[in-house]
Amino acid sequence: MPGAEGFCLWMTGLPSAGKTTIGRALVARLKARGWHVELLDGDEIRRGLSADLGFDRASREAHAGRVAFVAKLLARNGAIPIVALISPYRTSRARARAEIGRFVEVYVSTPLAVCEERDVKGLYRRARAGEIHEMTGVDDPYEPPEHPEIVVDAVKLTPEQSADHVLQELERQGWLPRSAGPGGPGSPASPPSR
């Protein structure tokens, strides 16, 4: 939105928690309010910017660092980058927060059993069969955020309801101006400094 400061929405959660689906719903809603928004999907970025990285801890940390760098550039130019990234380690998320500055951590809280049921790529099944290794939630840990700004219960809420919940929280916390109504543009305002 012209004249407003950007900030990063960093969505973390287990594989198949719903991060990208909710992120897409948020993109549409924020664009309708006049914001420049970019969805930085972890899987997409792995096919390009992070194609050289594996799935060991050092590679995952490096991947999160690259995404954080891109998000920082977008946010400082008035955009809202929505990061949909497992980012399983608290240390890498803390580094991203420190680098980006204007950072909102969104924890997509979906139990492992539900994520396994939703697994359209079959990654959990393959990990349980020993076909792939270092799978987050199976043989590599996921460290849930201790103090996220926003928690989304993606079991109780649909992706659309989850996106609405995130927007309501962003308004309540002062990151976004109050909407003029459902999907309304609101008025330009700068989110709080963090």
Protein backbone atom coordinates (compact mmCIF):
# COMPACT_ATOMS: atom_id res chain seq x y z
CA MET A 1 0.00 0.00 0.00
CA PRO A 2 1.58 3.34 -0.99
CA GLY A 3 2.98 5.20 1.98
CA ALA A 4 2.70 2.26 4.39
CA GLU A 5 5.55 0.23 5.80
CA GLY A 6 5.80 -3.41 4.84
CA PHE A 7 6.22 -6.29 7.22
CA CYS A 8 6.80 -10.04 6.99
CA LEU A 9 4.18 -12.67 7.80
CA TRP A 10 6.24 -15.77 8.59
CA MET A 11 4.01 -18.85 8.59
CA THR A 12 5.54 -21.91 10.21
CA GLY A 13 4.16 -25.37 10.90
CA LEU A 14 4.58 -29.03 10.07
CA PRO A 15 4.54 -30.25 6.44
CA SER A 16 0.91 -30.28 5.19
CA ALA A 17 -0.25 -28.06 8.07
CA GLY A 18 -1.94 -25.68 5.60
CA LYS A 19 0.61 -22.84 5.40
CA THR A 20 0.60 -22.35 1.63
CA THR A 21 -3.16 -22.73 1.26
CA ILE A 22 -3.79 -20.14 3.98
CA GLY A 23 -1.06 -17.95 2.48
CA ARG A 24 -2.82 -17.93 -0.89
CA ALA A 25 -6.07 -16.88 0.76
CA LEU A 26 -4.22 -14.07 2.55
CA VAL A 27 -2.65 -12.86 -0.70
CA ALA A 28 -6.08 -12.31 -2.25
CA ARG A 29 -7.40 -10.49 0.81
CA LEU A 30 -4.38 -8.21 1.21
CA LYS A 31 -4.27 -7.37 -2.51
CA ALA A 32 -7.94 -6.39 -2.26
CA ARG A 33 -6.87 -3.90 0.43
CA GLY A 34 -4.27 -2.37 -1.88
CA TRP A 35 -1.12 -4.01 -0.53
CA HIS A 36 1.70 -5.38 -2.67
CA VAL A 37 1.98 -8.99 -1.49
CA GLU A 38 4.33 -11.82 -2.41
CA LEU A 39 3.89 -15.44 -1.35
CA LEU A 40 7.29 -16.99 -0.68
CA ASP A 41 6.54 -20.71 -0.68
CA GLY A 42 9.28 -22.91 0.70
CA ASP A 43 8.83 -25.67 -1.89
CA GLU A 44 8.91 -23.19 -4.78
CA ILE A 45 12.03 -21.49 -3.48
CA ARG A 46 13.72 -24.87 -3.08
CA ARG A 47 13.26 -25.45 -6.81
CA GLY A 48 15.07 -22.20 -7.61
CA LEU A 49 17.05 -20.18 -5.07
CA SER A 50 17.75 -23.16 -2.82
CA ALA A 51 18.04 -25.92 -5.44
CA ASP A 52 21.57 -26.67 -4.22
CA LEU A 53 20.49 -27.44 -0.64
CA GLY A 54 19.58 -30.73 1.00
CA PHE A 55 17.45 -31.43 4.06
CA ASP A 56 20.03 -31.73 6.83
CA ARG A 57 19.88 -29.12 9.58
CA ALA A 58 22.56 -26.86 8.07
CA SER A 59 20.77 -26.87 4.70
CA ARG A 60 17.40 -26.10 6.31
CA GLU A 61 18.95 -23.21 8.23
CA ALA A 62 20.56 -21.89 5.03
CA HIS A 63 17.26 -22.20 3.16
CA ALA A 64 15.45 -20.20 5.87
CA GLY A 65 18.23 -17.60 5.74
CA ARG A 66 17.82 -17.12 1.99
CA VAL A 67 14.06 -16.77 2.33
CA ALA A 68 14.54 -14.25 5.15
CA PHE A 69 16.85 -12.15 2.97
CA VAL A 70 14.29 -11.97 0.16
CA ALA A 71 11.50 -11.21 2.66
CA LYS A 72 13.57 -8.39 4.17
CA LEU A 73 14.05 -6.77 0.75
CA LEU A 74 10.33 -6.95 0.03
CA ALA A 75 9.25 -5.65 3.45
CA ARG A 76 11.61 -2.69 3.39
CA ASN A 77 10.11 -1.70 0.03
CA GLY A 78 6.56 -1.54 1.38
CA ALA A 79 5.40 -5.05 0.49
CA ILE A 80 4.04 -7.81 2.69
CA PRO A 81 5.98 -11.01 2.04
CA ILE A 82 4.02 -14.02 3.24
CA VAL A 83 6.51 -16.77 3.98
CA ALA A 84 5.06 -20.30 3.95
CA LEU A 85 8.00 -22.30 5.24
CA ILE A 86 8.22 -25.24 7.61
CA SER A 87 11.28 -23.57 9.21
CA PRO A 88 11.36 -26.26 11.90
CA TYR A 89 14.03 -24.73 14.15
CA ARG A 90 13.50 -21.85 16.56
CA THR A 91 17.04 -20.61 15.91
CA SER A 92 16.42 -20.01 12.19
CA ARG A 93 13.12 -18.25 12.90
CA ALA A 94 14.82 -16.07 15.52
CA ARG A 95 17.52 -15.13 13.00
CA ALA A 96 14.82 -14.30 10.42
CA ARG A 97 13.05 -12.09 12.96
CA ALA A 98 16.29 -10.29 13.81
CA GLU A 99 17.19 -9.77 10.14
CA ILE A 100 13.78 -8.64 8.92
CA GLY A 101 12.77 -6.59 11.95
CA ARG A 102 9.12 -6.06 11.06
CA PHE A 103 8.16 -9.68 11.60
CA VAL A 104 4.93 -11.46 12.53
CA GLU A 105 5.27 -15.15 13.35
CA VAL A 106 2.16 -17.14 12.48
CA TYR A 107 2.07 -20.66 13.87
CA VAL A 108 -0.19 -22.93 11.82
CA SER A 109 -0.95 -25.40 14.59
CA THR A 110 -2.00 -28.69 13.01
CA PRO A 111 -1.38 -32.01 14.80
CA LEU A 112 0.97 -34.48 13.13
CA ALA A 113 -1.80 -37.06 12.64
CA VAL A 114 -3.92 -34.54 10.72
CA CYS A 115 -0.94 -33.47 8.60
CA GLU A 116 -0.32 -37.11 7.70
CA GLU A 117 -3.96 -37.52 6.64
CA ARG A 118 -3.70 -34.41 4.42
CA ASP A 119 -0.37 -35.42 2.86
CA VAL A 120 -1.12 -35.15 -0.87
CA LYS A 121 2.56 -35.61 -1.82
CA GLY A 122 2.90 -38.87 0.12
CA LEU A 123 5.99 -37.62 1.97
CA TYR A 124 4.94 -38.89 5.39
CA ARG A 125 4.09 -42.31 3.97
CA ARG A 126 7.48 -42.50 2.25
CA ALA A 127 9.27 -41.33 5.41
CA ARG A 128 7.46 -43.94 7.53
CA ALA A 129 8.51 -46.59 4.98
CA GLY A 130 12.15 -45.44 5.22
CA GLU A 131 12.23 -44.23 1.61
CA ILE A 132 13.12 -40.65 2.55
CA HIS A 133 15.04 -39.40 5.57
CA GLU A 134 15.21 -36.22 7.66
CA MET A 135 11.46 -35.67 7.31
CA THR A 136 10.21 -33.00 9.69
CA GLY A 137 7.85 -34.52 12.23
CA VAL A 138 9.03 -38.07 11.55
CA ASP A 139 12.80 -38.37 12.02
CA ASP A 140 13.69 -34.68 12.23
CA PRO A 141 12.21 -32.46 14.95
CA TYR A 142 9.77 -29.59 14.58
CA GLU A 143 10.18 -26.96 17.30
CA PRO A 144 6.86 -25.10 17.73
CA PRO A 145 7.10 -21.35 18.35
CA GLU A 146 7.10 -20.38 22.00
CA HIS A 147 5.64 -16.88 21.57
CA PRO A 148 4.13 -16.47 18.08
CA GLU A 149 2.17 -13.30 17.39
CA ILE A 150 -0.64 -15.35 15.85
CA VAL A 151 -1.75 -18.97 16.24
CA VAL A 152 -4.03 -20.56 13.64
CA ASP A 153 -5.94 -23.72 14.50
CA ALA A 154 -6.11 -25.18 11.00
CA VAL A 155 -8.20 -28.12 12.21
CA LYS A 156 -11.11 -26.07 13.56
CA LEU A 157 -10.87 -23.39 10.85
CA THR A 158 -11.06 -23.72 7.07
CA PRO A 159 -8.27 -22.03 5.07
CA GLU A 160 -10.62 -19.11 4.36
CA GLN A 161 -11.54 -18.76 8.03
CA SER A 162 -7.86 -19.08 8.96
CA ALA A 163 -6.98 -16.20 6.61
CA ASP A 164 -9.76 -14.07 8.12
CA HIS A 165 -8.46 -14.88 11.61
CA VAL A 166 -4.94 -13.77 10.65
CA LEU A 167 -6.27 -10.50 9.23
CA GLN A 168 -8.33 -9.83 12.34
CA GLU A 169 -5.26 -10.40 14.51
CA LEU A 170 -3.13 -8.14 12.30
CA GLU A 171 -5.75 -5.41 12.71
CA ARG A 172 -6.05 -5.99 16.47
CA GLN A 173 -2.26 -5.81 16.91
CA GLY A 174 -1.99 -2.66 14.78
CA TRP A 175 -0.16 -4.13 11.80
CA LEU A 176 -3.08 -3.35 9.47
CA PRO A 177 -5.68 -0.59 9.52
CA ARG A 178 -9.18 -1.71 10.44
CA SER A 179 -11.09 -2.89 7.40
CA ALA A 180 -14.05 -0.85 6.19
CA GLY A 181 -15.98 -4.14 6.01
CA PRO A 182 -15.48 -7.65 4.67
CA GLY A 183 -12.77 -7.29 2.05
CA GLY A 184 -12.88 -3.50 2.43
CA PRO A 185 -9.78 -1.49 1.77
CA GLY A 186 -9.39 0.26 5.12
CA SER A 187 -7.25 3.39 5.20
CA PRO A 188 -3.48 3.67 4.80
CA ALA A 189 -1.58 3.26 8.02
CA SER A 190 1.85 2.13 9.05
CA PRO A 191 2.00 -0.98 11.22
CA PRO A 192 3.76 -0.63 14.57
CA SER A 193 7.52 -0.70 14.86
CA ARG A 194 8.75 -3.90 16.45
